[in-house]
PDB file of N, CA and C in Angstrom:
ATOM      1  N   UNK A   1     -46.531  92.517  38.427  1.00  0.00           N
ATOM      2  CA  UNK A   1     -44.988  92.213  38.112  1.00  0.00           C
ATOM      3  C   UNK A   1     -44.528  91.364  39.159  1.00  0.00           C
ATOM      4  N   UNK A   2     -43.847  90.065  38.950  1.00  0.00           N
ATOM      5  CA  UNK A   2     -43.323  89.248  39.855  1.00  0.00           C
ATOM      6  C   UNK A   2     -41.869  89.135  39.660  1.00  0.00           C
ATOM      7  N   UNK A   3     -40.802  89.836  40.560  1.00  0.00           N
ATOM      8  CA  UNK A   3     -39.459  89.554  40.025  1.00  0.00           C
ATOM      9  C   UNK A   3     -38.917  88.187  40.498  1.00  0.00           C
ATOM     10  N   UNK A   4     -38.324  87.633  40.043  1.00  0.00           N
ATOM     11  CA  UNK A   4     -37.399  86.524  40.580  1.00  0.00           C
ATOM     12  C   UNK A   4     -35.995  86.524  40.230  1.00  0.00           C
ATOM     13  N   UNK A   5     -35.303  85.800  40.782  1.00  0.00           N
ATOM     14  CA  UNK A   5     -33.757  85.742  40.555  1.00  0.00           C
ATOM     15  C   UNK A   5     -33.443  84.381  39.990  1.00  0.00           C
ATOM     16  N   UNK A   6     -32.542  84.388  38.987  1.00  0.00           N
ATOM     17  CA  UNK A   6     -31.987  83.200  38.263  1.00  0.00           C
ATOM     18  C   UNK A   6     -30.584  83.335  38.501  1.00  0.00           C
ATOM     19  N   UNK A   7     -30.059  81.924  39.032  1.00  0.00           N
ATOM     20  CA  UNK A   7     -28.626  81.900  39.336  1.00  0.00           C
ATOM     21  C   UNK A   7     -28.299  80.709  38.343  1.00  0.00           C
ATOM     22  N   UNK A   8     -27.469  80.935  37.537  1.00  0.00           N
ATOM     23  CA  UNK A   8     -27.124  79.526  36.722  1.00  0.00           C
ATOM     24  C   UNK A   8     -25.637  79.695  36.373  1.00  0.00           C
ATOM     25  N   UNK A   9     -24.988  78.292  36.189  1.00  0.00           N
ATOM     26  CA  UNK A   9     -23.358  78.424  36.045  1.00  0.00           C
ATOM     27  C   UNK A   9     -23.141  78.604  34.551  1.00  0.00           C
ATOM     28  N   UNK A  10     -22.149  79.543  34.229  1.00  0.00           N
ATOM     29  CA  UNK A  10     -21.794  79.757  32.831  1.00  0.00           C
ATOM     30  C   UNK A  10     -20.792  78.784  32.473  1.00  0.00           C
ATOM     31  N   UNK A  11     -20.166  78.883  31.275  1.00  0.00           N
ATOM     32  CA  UNK A  11     -19.471  77.899  30.564  1.00  0.00           C
ATOM     33  C   UNK A  11     -18.070  78.242  31.100  1.00  0.00           C
ATOM     34  N   UNK A  12     -17.553  79.273  32.115  1.00  0.00           N
ATOM     35  CA  UNK A  12     -16.421  79.470  32.610  1.00  0.00           C
ATOM     36  C   UNK A  12     -16.635  79.087  34.130  1.00  0.00           C
ATOM     37  N   UNK A  13     -17.468  78.562  34.583  1.00  0.00           N
ATOM     38  CA  UNK A  13     -17.799  78.240  36.003  1.00  0.00           C
ATOM     39  C   UNK A  13     -18.006  79.446  36.999  1.00  0.00           C
ATOM     40  N   UNK A  14     -18.398  80.529  36.243  1.00  0.00           N
ATOM     41  CA  UNK A  14     -18.734  81.415  37.215  1.00  0.00           C
ATOM     42  C   UNK A  14     -20.375  81.627  37.313  1.00  0.00           C
ATOM     43  N   UNK A  15     -20.708  81.920  38.269  1.00  0.00           N
ATOM     44  CA  UNK A  15     -22.139  82.053  38.481  1.00  0.00           C
ATOM     45  C   UNK A  15     -22.810  83.450  38.069  1.00  0.00           C
ATOM     46  N   UNK A  16     -23.951  83.271  37.302  1.00  0.00           N
ATOM     47  CA  UNK A  16     -24.443  84.328  36.625  1.00  0.00           C
ATOM     48  C   UNK A  16     -25.666  84.718  37.335  1.00  0.00           C
ATOM     49  N   UNK A  17     -25.996  85.785  37.883  1.00  0.00           N
ATOM     50  CA  UNK A  17     -27.201  86.155  38.663  1.00  0.00           C
ATOM     51  C   UNK A  17     -27.925  86.936  37.803  1.00  0.00           C
ATOM     52  N   UNK A  18     -29.021  86.855  37.425  1.00  0.00           N
ATOM     53  CA  UNK A  18     -29.761  87.642  36.788  1.00  0.00           C
ATOM     54  C   UNK A  18     -31.155  87.809  37.585  1.00  0.00           C
ATOM     55  N   UNK A  19     -31.530  89.235  37.269  1.00  0.00           N
ATOM     56  CA  UNK A  19     -32.935  89.524  37.697  1.00  0.00           C
ATOM     57  C   UNK A  19     -33.931  89.678  36.578  1.00  0.00           C
ATOM     58  N   UNK A  20     -34.833  88.844  36.747  1.00  0.00           N
ATOM     59  CA  UNK A  20     -36.048  88.688  35.546  1.00  0.00           C
ATOM     60  C   UNK A  20     -37.327  89.619  36.082  1.00  0.00           C
ATOM     61  N   UNK A  21     -37.625  90.331  35.272  1.00  0.00           N
ATOM     62  CA  UNK A  21     -39.064  91.239  35.543  1.00  0.00           C
ATOM     63  C   UNK A  21     -39.776  90.963  34.383  1.00  0.00           C
ATOM     64  N   UNK A  22     -41.064  90.600  34.480  1.00  0.00           N
ATOM     65  CA  UNK A  22     -41.966  90.326  33.390  1.00  0.00           C
ATOM     66  C   UNK A  22     -42.209  91.439  32.399  1.00  0.00           C
ATOM     67  N   UNK A  23     -41.698  91.295  31.102  1.00  0.00           N
ATOM     68  CA  UNK A  23     -41.814  92.358  30.152  1.00  0.00           C
ATOM     69  C   UNK A  23     -40.750  93.203  29.873  1.00  0.00           C
ATOM     70  N   UNK A  24     -39.468  93.266  30.795  1.00  0.00           N
ATOM     71  CA  UNK A  24     -38.438  94.385  30.450  1.00  0.00           C
ATOM     72  C   UNK A  24     -37.225  93.711  31.113  1.00  0.00           C
ATOM     73  N   UNK A  25     -36.196  94.477  30.833  1.00  0.00           N
ATOM     74  CA  UNK A  25     -34.828  94.349  31.251  1.00  0.00           C
ATOM     75  C   UNK A  25     -34.631  94.672  32.852  1.00  0.00           C
ATOM     76  N   UNK A  26     -34.823  93.660  33.499  1.00  0.00           N
ATOM     77  CA  UNK A  26     -34.581  93.854  35.073  1.00  0.00           C
ATOM     78  C   UNK A  26     -33.098  94.499  35.428  1.00  0.00           C
ATOM     79  N   UNK A  27     -32.087  94.008  34.733  1.00  0.00           N
ATOM     80  CA  UNK A  27     -30.884  94.485  35.096  1.00  0.00           C
ATOM     81  C   UNK A  27     -30.608  96.077  34.603  1.00  0.00           C
ATOM     82  N   UNK A  28     -31.248  96.525  33.609  1.00  0.00           N
ATOM     83  CA  UNK A  28     -31.349  97.823  33.632  1.00  0.00           C
ATOM     84  C   UNK A  28     -31.840  98.797  34.613  1.00  0.00           C
ATOM     85  N   UNK A  29     -33.215  98.425  35.139  1.00  0.00           N
ATOM     86  CA  UNK A  29     -33.901  98.685  36.086  1.00  0.00           C
ATOM     87  C   UNK A  29     -33.061  98.864  37.672  1.00  0.00           C
ATOM     88  N   UNK A  30     -32.558  97.462  37.946  1.00  0.00           N
ATOM     89  CA  UNK A  30     -31.593  97.598  38.756  1.00  0.00           C
ATOM     90  C   UNK A  30     -30.450  98.602  38.796  1.00  0.00           C
ATOM     91  N   UNK A  31     -29.896  98.849  37.701  1.00  0.00           N
ATOM     92  CA  UNK A  31     -28.481  99.733  37.421  1.00  0.00           C
ATOM     93  C   UNK A  31     -28.876 101.103  37.661  1.00  0.00           C
ATOM     94  N   UNK A  32     -30.228 101.298  37.054  1.00  0.00           N
ATOM     95  CA  UNK A  32     -30.985 102.776  37.097  1.00  0.00           C
ATOM     96  C   UNK A  32     -31.169 103.048  38.474  1.00  0.00           C
ATOM     97  N   UNK A  33     -31.703 102.251  39.338  1.00  0.00           N
ATOM     98  CA  UNK A  33     -31.912 102.740  40.690  1.00  0.00           C
ATOM     99  C   UNK A  33     -30.583 102.745  41.605  1.00  0.00           C
ATOM    100  N   UNK A  34     -29.665 101.638  41.334  1.00  0.00           N
ATOM    101  CA  UNK A  34     -28.510 102.029  41.816  1.00  0.00           C
ATOM    102  C   UNK A  34     -27.548 103.199  41.620  1.00  0.00           C
ATOM    103  N   UNK A  35     -27.714 103.711  40.419  1.00  0.00           N
ATOM    104  CA  UNK A  35     -27.073 105.066  39.930  1.00  0.00           C
ATOM    105  C   UNK A  35     -27.935 106.190  40.550  1.00  0.00           C
ATOM    106  N   UNK A  36     -29.213 106.281  40.577  1.00  0.00           N
ATOM    107  CA  UNK A  36     -29.981 107.219  41.142  1.00  0.00           C
ATOM    108  C   UNK A  36     -29.679 107.288  42.634  1.00  0.00           C
ATOM    109  N   UNK A  37     -29.623 106.284  43.466  1.00  0.00           N
ATOM    110  CA  UNK A  37     -29.238 106.244  44.819  1.00  0.00           C
ATOM    111  C   UNK A  37     -27.880 106.946  45.054  1.00  0.00           C
ATOM    112  N   UNK A  38     -26.908 106.467  44.364  1.00  0.00           N
ATOM    113  CA  UNK A  38     -25.549 107.009  44.329  1.00  0.00           C
ATOM    114  C   UNK A  38     -25.281 108.481  44.006  1.00  0.00           C
ATOM    115  N   UNK A  39     -26.218 108.720  42.813  1.00  0.00           N
ATOM    116  CA  UNK A  39     -26.215 110.150  42.492  1.00  0.00           C
ATOM    117  C   UNK A  39     -26.754 111.122  43.703  1.00  0.00           C
ATOM    118  N   UNK A  40     -27.953 110.761  44.137  1.00  0.00           N
ATOM    119  CA  UNK A  40     -28.358 111.408  45.266  1.00  0.00           C
ATOM    120  C   UNK A  40     -27.534 111.474  46.403  1.00  0.00           C
ATOM    121  N   UNK A  41     -26.817 110.653  46.711  1.00  0.00           N
ATOM    122  CA  UNK A  41     -26.019 110.424  47.813  1.00  0.00           C
ATOM    123  C   UNK A  41     -24.708 111.655  47.556  1.00  0.00           C
ATOM    124  N   UNK A  42     -24.527 111.597  46.185  1.00  0.00           N
ATOM    125  CA  UNK A  42     -23.470 112.452  45.759  1.00  0.00           C
ATOM    126  C   UNK A  42     -23.738 113.796  45.875  1.00  0.00           C
ATOM    127  N   UNK A  43     -25.012 114.144  45.402  1.00  0.00           N
ATOM    128  CA  UNK A  43     -25.436 115.436  45.405  1.00  0.00           C
ATOM    129  C   UNK A  43     -25.652 116.176  46.813  1.00  0.00           C
ATOM    130  N   UNK A  44     -26.245 115.244  47.996  1.00  0.00           N
ATOM    131  CA  UNK A  44     -26.733 115.691  49.069  1.00  0.00           C
ATOM    132  C   UNK A  44     -25.348 115.569  49.891  1.00  0.00           C
ATOM    133  N   UNK A  45     -24.486 114.627  49.854  1.00  0.00           N
ATOM    134  CA  UNK A  45     -23.389 114.818  50.674  1.00  0.00           C
ATOM    135  C   UNK A  45     -22.068 114.518  50.077  1.00  0.00           C
ATOM    136  N   UNK A  46     -21.493 115.495  49.519  1.00  0.00           N
ATOM    137  CA  UNK A  46     -20.376 115.487  48.544  1.00  0.00           C
ATOM    138  C   UNK A  46     -19.203 115.258  49.229  1.00  0.00           C
ATOM    139  N   UNK A  47     -19.120 115.576  50.681  1.00  0.00           N
ATOM    140  CA  UNK A  47     -17.942 115.723  51.519  1.00  0.00           C
ATOM    141  C   UNK A  47     -17.781 114.513  52.160  1.00  0.00           C
ATOM    142  N   UNK A  48     -19.027 113.614  52.285  1.00  0.00           N
ATOM    143  CA  UNK A  48     -18.883 112.248  52.821  1.00  0.00           C
ATOM    144  C   UNK A  48     -18.299 111.383  51.681  1.00  0.00           C
ATOM    145  N   UNK A  49     -18.756 111.463  50.331  1.00  0.00           N
ATOM    146  CA  UNK A  49     -18.085 110.769  49.344  1.00  0.00           C
ATOM    147  C   UNK A  49     -16.656 111.042  49.283  1.00  0.00           C
ATOM    148  N   UNK A  50     -16.366 112.319  49.205  1.00  0.00           N
ATOM    149  CA  UNK A  50     -14.826 112.547  49.075  1.00  0.00           C
ATOM    150  C   UNK A  50     -14.195 112.188  50.182  1.00  0.00           C
ATOM    151  N   UNK A  51     -14.576 112.015  51.487  1.00  0.00           N
ATOM    152  CA  UNK A  51     -13.853 111.123  52.524  1.00  0.00           C
ATOM    153  C   UNK A  51     -13.715 109.859  52.159  1.00  0.00           C
ATOM    154  N   UNK A  52     -14.853 109.187  51.712  1.00  0.00           N
ATOM    155  CA  UNK A  52     -14.567 107.779  51.468  1.00  0.00           C
ATOM    156  C   UNK A  52     -13.681 107.346  50.458  1.00  0.00           C
ATOM    157  N   UNK A  53     -13.889 108.200  49.326  1.00  0.00           N
ATOM    158  CA  UNK A  53     -12.742 107.837  48.326  1.00  0.00           C
ATOM    159  C   UNK A  53     -11.316 108.508  48.414  1.00  0.00           C
ATOM    160  N   UNK A  54     -11.011 109.690  49.037  1.00  0.00           N
ATOM    161  CA  UNK A  54      -9.751 110.346  49.143  1.00  0.00           C
ATOM    162  C   UNK A  54      -9.467 110.578  50.400  1.00  0.00           C
ATOM    163  N   UNK A  55     -10.267 111.283  51.152  1.00  0.00           N
ATOM    164  CA  UNK A  55      -9.893 112.106  52.649  1.00  0.00           C
ATOM    165  C   UNK A  55      -9.480 110.882  53.509  1.00  0.00           C
ATOM    166  N   UNK A  56      -9.698 109.838  53.384  1.00  0.00           N
ATOM    167  CA  UNK A  56      -8.976 108.733  54.248  1.00  0.00           C
ATOM    168  C   UNK A  56      -7.742 108.694  54.299  1.00  0.00           C
ATOM    169  N   UNK A  57      -7.125 109.008  53.254  1.00  0.00           N
ATOM    170  CA  UNK A  57      -5.683 109.042  52.946  1.00  0.00           C
ATOM    171  C   UNK A  57      -4.728 109.878  53.866  1.00  0.00           C
ATOM    172  N   UNK A  58      -5.509 111.138  53.986  1.00  0.00           N
ATOM    173  CA  UNK A  58      -4.860 111.948  54.720  1.00  0.00           C
ATOM    174  C   UNK A  58      -5.363 112.533  56.091  1.00  0.00           C
ATOM    175  N   UNK A  59      -4.227 113.066  56.897  1.00  0.00           N
ATOM    176  CA  UNK A  59      -4.812 113.065  58.190  1.00  0.00           C
ATOM    177  C   UNK A  59      -5.279 114.417  58.419  1.00  0.00           C
ATOM    178  N   UNK A  60      -6.374 114.881  58.974  1.00  0.00           N
ATOM    179  CA  UNK A  60      -7.108 116.130  59.143  1.00  0.00           C
ATOM    180  C   UNK A  60      -7.309 116.976  57.883  1.00  0.00           C
ATOM    181  N   UNK A  61      -7.631 116.307  56.800  1.00  0.00           N
ATOM    182  CA  UNK A  61      -7.857 116.753  55.691  1.00  0.00           C
ATOM    183  C   UNK A  61      -9.291 117.053  55.303  1.00  0.00           C
ATOM    184  N   UNK A  62      -9.449 118.411  54.654  1.00  0.00           N
ATOM    185  CA  UNK A  62     -10.786 118.728  54.291  1.00  0.00           C
ATOM    186  C   UNK A  62     -10.904 119.143  52.753  1.00  0.00           C
ATOM    187  N   UNK A  63     -12.118 118.804  52.415  1.00  0.00           N
ATOM    188  CA  UNK A  63     -12.370 118.797  50.723  1.00  0.00           C
ATOM    189  C   UNK A  63     -12.181 120.138  50.213  1.00  0.00           C
ATOM    190  N   UNK A  64     -11.658 120.601  49.243  1.00  0.00           N
ATOM    191  CA  UNK A  64     -11.725 122.006  48.700  1.00  0.00           C
ATOM    192  C   UNK A  64     -12.993 122.016  47.947  1.00  0.00           C
ATOM    193  N   UNK A  65     -13.431 123.172  47.645  1.00  0.00           N
ATOM    194  CA  UNK A  65     -14.785 123.637  47.011  1.00  0.00           C
ATOM    195  C   UNK A  65     -14.755 122.981  45.564  1.00  0.00           C
ATOM    196  N   UNK A  66     -13.533 122.762  44.918  1.00  0.00           N
ATOM    197  CA  UNK A  66     -13.736 122.379  43.541  1.00  0.00           C
ATOM    198  C   UNK A  66     -13.973 120.700  43.603  1.00  0.00           C
ATOM    199  N   UNK A  67     -13.301 120.208  44.563  1.00  0.00           N
ATOM    200  CA  UNK A  67     -13.767 118.854  44.888  1.00  0.00           C
ATOM    201  C   UNK A  67     -15.214 118.492  45.228  1.00  0.00           C
ATOM    202  N   UNK A  68     -15.536 119.336  46.062  1.00  0.00           N
ATOM    203  CA  UNK A  68     -17.244 119.096  46.313  1.00  0.00           C
ATOM    204  C   UNK A  68     -17.990 119.338  44.949  1.00  0.00           C
ATOM    205  N   UNK A  69     -17.529 120.282  44.386  1.00  0.00           N
ATOM    206  CA  UNK A  69     -18.446 120.880  43.189  1.00  0.00           C
ATOM    207  C   UNK A  69     -18.029 119.581  42.165  1.00  0.00           C
ATOM    208  N   UNK A  70     -16.994 118.819  42.135  1.00  0.00           N
ATOM    209  CA  UNK A  70     -17.000 117.712  41.138  1.00  0.00           C
ATOM    210  C   UNK A  70     -17.670 116.573  41.517  1.00  0.00           C
ATOM    211  N   UNK A  71     -17.861 116.450  42.853  1.00  0.00           N
ATOM    212  CA  UNK A  71     -18.501 115.504  43.274  1.00  0.00           C
ATOM    213  C   UNK A  71     -20.052 115.577  42.954  1.00  0.00           C
ATOM    214  N   UNK A  72     -20.507 116.910  43.322  1.00  0.00           N
ATOM    215  CA  UNK A  72     -21.847 117.185  43.007  1.00  0.00           C
ATOM    216  C   UNK A  72     -22.335 117.152  41.404  1.00  0.00           C
ATOM    217  N   UNK A  73     -21.292 117.552  40.379  1.00  0.00           N
ATOM    218  CA  UNK A  73     -21.444 117.294  39.251  1.00  0.00           C
ATOM    219  C   UNK A  73     -21.650 115.782  38.870  1.00  0.00           C
ATOM    220  N   UNK A  74     -20.792 115.134  39.223  1.00  0.00           N
ATOM    221  CA  UNK A  74     -20.893 113.558  38.967  1.00  0.00           C
ATOM    222  C   UNK A  74     -21.931 113.045  39.597  1.00  0.00           C
ATOM    223  N   UNK A  75     -22.715 113.397  40.663  1.00  0.00           N
ATOM    224  CA  UNK A  75     -24.034 112.889  41.240  1.00  0.00           C
ATOM    225  C   UNK A  75     -25.127 113.463  40.389  1.00  0.00           C
ATOM    226  N   UNK A  76     -25.151 114.678  39.659  1.00  0.00           N
ATOM    227  CA  UNK A  76     -26.084 114.943  38.856  1.00  0.00           C
ATOM    228  C   UNK A  76     -25.824 114.152  37.427  1.00  0.00           C
ATOM    229  N   UNK A  77     -24.668 113.760  37.231  1.00  0.00           N
ATOM    230  CA  UNK A  77     -24.560 112.995  35.950  1.00  0.00           C
ATOM    231  C   UNK A  77     -25.090 111.642  36.434  1.00  0.00           C
ATOM    232  N   UNK A  78     -24.799 111.015  37.169  1.00  0.00           N
ATOM    233  CA  UNK A  78     -25.509 109.920  37.728  1.00  0.00           C
ATOM    234  C   UNK A  78     -26.991 109.892  37.793  1.00  0.00           C
ATOM    235  N   UNK A  79     -27.500 110.740  38.370  1.00  0.00           N
ATOM    236  CA  UNK A  79     -29.083 111.135  38.254  1.00  0.00           C
ATOM    237  C   UNK A  79     -29.446 110.841  36.646  1.00  0.00           C
ATOM    238  N   UNK A  80     -28.956 111.632  36.038  1.00  0.00           N
ATOM    239  CA  UNK A  80     -29.630 111.542  34.679  1.00  0.00           C
ATOM    240  C   UNK A  80     -29.420 110.024  33.872  1.00  0.00           C
ATOM    241  N   UNK A  81     -27.879 109.548  34.107  1.00  0.00           N
ATOM    242  CA  UNK A  81     -27.777 108.328  33.567  1.00  0.00           C
ATOM    243  C   UNK A  81     -28.717 107.056  34.246  1.00  0.00           C
ATOM    244  N   UNK A  82     -29.118 107.471  35.536  1.00  0.00           N
ATOM    245  CA  UNK A  82     -30.068 106.115  36.182  1.00  0.00           C
ATOM    246  C   UNK A  82     -31.415 106.528  35.588  1.00  0.00           C
ATOM    247  N   UNK A  83     -31.688 107.996  35.306  1.00  0.00           N
ATOM    248  CA  UNK A  83     -33.262 107.996  34.746  1.00  0.00           C
ATOM    249  C   UNK A  83     -33.210 107.258  33.438  1.00  0.00           C
ATOM    250  N   UNK A  84     -32.277 107.139  32.614  1.00  0.00           N
ATOM    251  CA  UNK A  84     -32.146 106.921  31.387  1.00  0.00           C
ATOM    252  C   UNK A  84     -31.951 105.377  31.407  1.00  0.00           C
ATOM    253  N   UNK A  85     -31.414 104.837  32.113  1.00  0.00           N
ATOM    254  CA  UNK A  85     -31.553 103.078  32.440  1.00  0.00           C
ATOM    255  C   UNK A  85     -33.025 102.814  32.761  1.00  0.00           C
ATOM    256  N   UNK A  86     -33.613 103.733  33.643  1.00  0.00           N
ATOM    257  CA  UNK A  86     -34.899 103.256  33.984  1.00  0.00           C
ATOM    258  C   UNK A  86     -35.914 103.403  32.707  1.00  0.00           C
ATOM    259  N   UNK A  87     -35.832 104.358  31.994  1.00  0.00           N
ATOM    260  CA  UNK A  87     -36.655 104.539  30.911  1.00  0.00           C
ATOM    261  C   UNK A  87     -36.089 103.315  29.962  1.00  0.00           C
ATOM    262  N   UNK A  88     -34.951 103.119  29.930  1.00  0.00           N
ATOM    263  CA  UNK A  88     -34.470 102.102  28.820  1.00  0.00           C
ATOM    264  C   UNK A  88     -35.453 100.701  29.226  1.00  0.00           C
ATOM    265  N   UNK A  89     -35.536 100.470  30.712  1.00  0.00           N
ATOM    266  CA  UNK A  89     -36.129  99.053  30.960  1.00  0.00           C
ATOM    267  C   UNK A  89     -37.655  99.403  30.991  1.00  0.00           C
ATOM    268  N   UNK A  90     -38.301 100.555  31.090  1.00  0.00           N
ATOM    269  CA  UNK A  90     -39.699 100.564  31.208  1.00  0.00           C
ATOM    270  C   UNK A  90     -40.210 100.826  29.765  1.00  0.00           C
ATOM    271  N   UNK A  91     -39.673 101.430  28.883  1.00  0.00           N
ATOM    272  CA  UNK A  91     -40.362 101.795  27.695  1.00  0.00           C
ATOM    273  C   UNK A  91     -40.644 100.640  26.663  1.00  0.00           C
ATOM    274  N   UNK A  92     -39.829  99.499  26.889  1.00  0.00           N
ATOM    275  CA  UNK A  92     -40.166  98.358  26.001  1.00  0.00           C
ATOM    276  C   UNK A  92     -41.451  97.620  26.638  1.00  0.00           C
ATOM    277  N   UNK A  93     -41.588  97.659  27.961  1.00  0.00           N
ATOM    278  CA  UNK A  93     -42.773  97.389  28.606  1.00  0.00           C
ATOM    279  C   UNK A  93     -44.024  97.938  28.302  1.00  0.00           C
ATOM    280  N   UNK A  94     -44.202  99.265  28.008  1.00  0.00           N
ATOM    281  CA  UNK A  94     -45.056 100.126  27.618  1.00  0.00           C
ATOM    282  C   UNK A  94     -45.391  99.749  26.191  1.00  0.00           C
ATOM    283  N   UNK A  95     -44.571  99.616  25.341  1.00  0.00           N
ATOM    284  CA  UNK A  95     -44.820  99.389  24.042  1.00  0.00           C
ATOM    285  C   UNK A  95     -45.284  97.903  23.722  1.00  0.00           C
ATOM    286  N   UNK A  96     -45.099  96.957  24.435  1.00  0.00           N
ATOM    287  CA  UNK A  96     -45.289  95.640  24.217  1.00  0.00           C
ATOM    288  C   UNK A  96     -45.953  95.098  25.126  1.00  0.00           C
TER     289      UNK A  96
END
């Protein structure tokens, strides 16, 4: 499997960057990997992500248990979504 990046100019003068992998959708694979990484980060370090998203706005603020639980829930959801994206990119390669 040899990945390569294609950069082309679209009709609206924006650059379109596409990751091509032989036999499957490289974008789904890339999105799946990113979702899994963000999901793992959210599950393992929910307070850190709370601070990045909300905590920096307040002085000496601590996240509540509910906020940490919501961040973990979102992390698990992102993990499932990432696995779905990866399966979406791998299954066509296996069947064809």
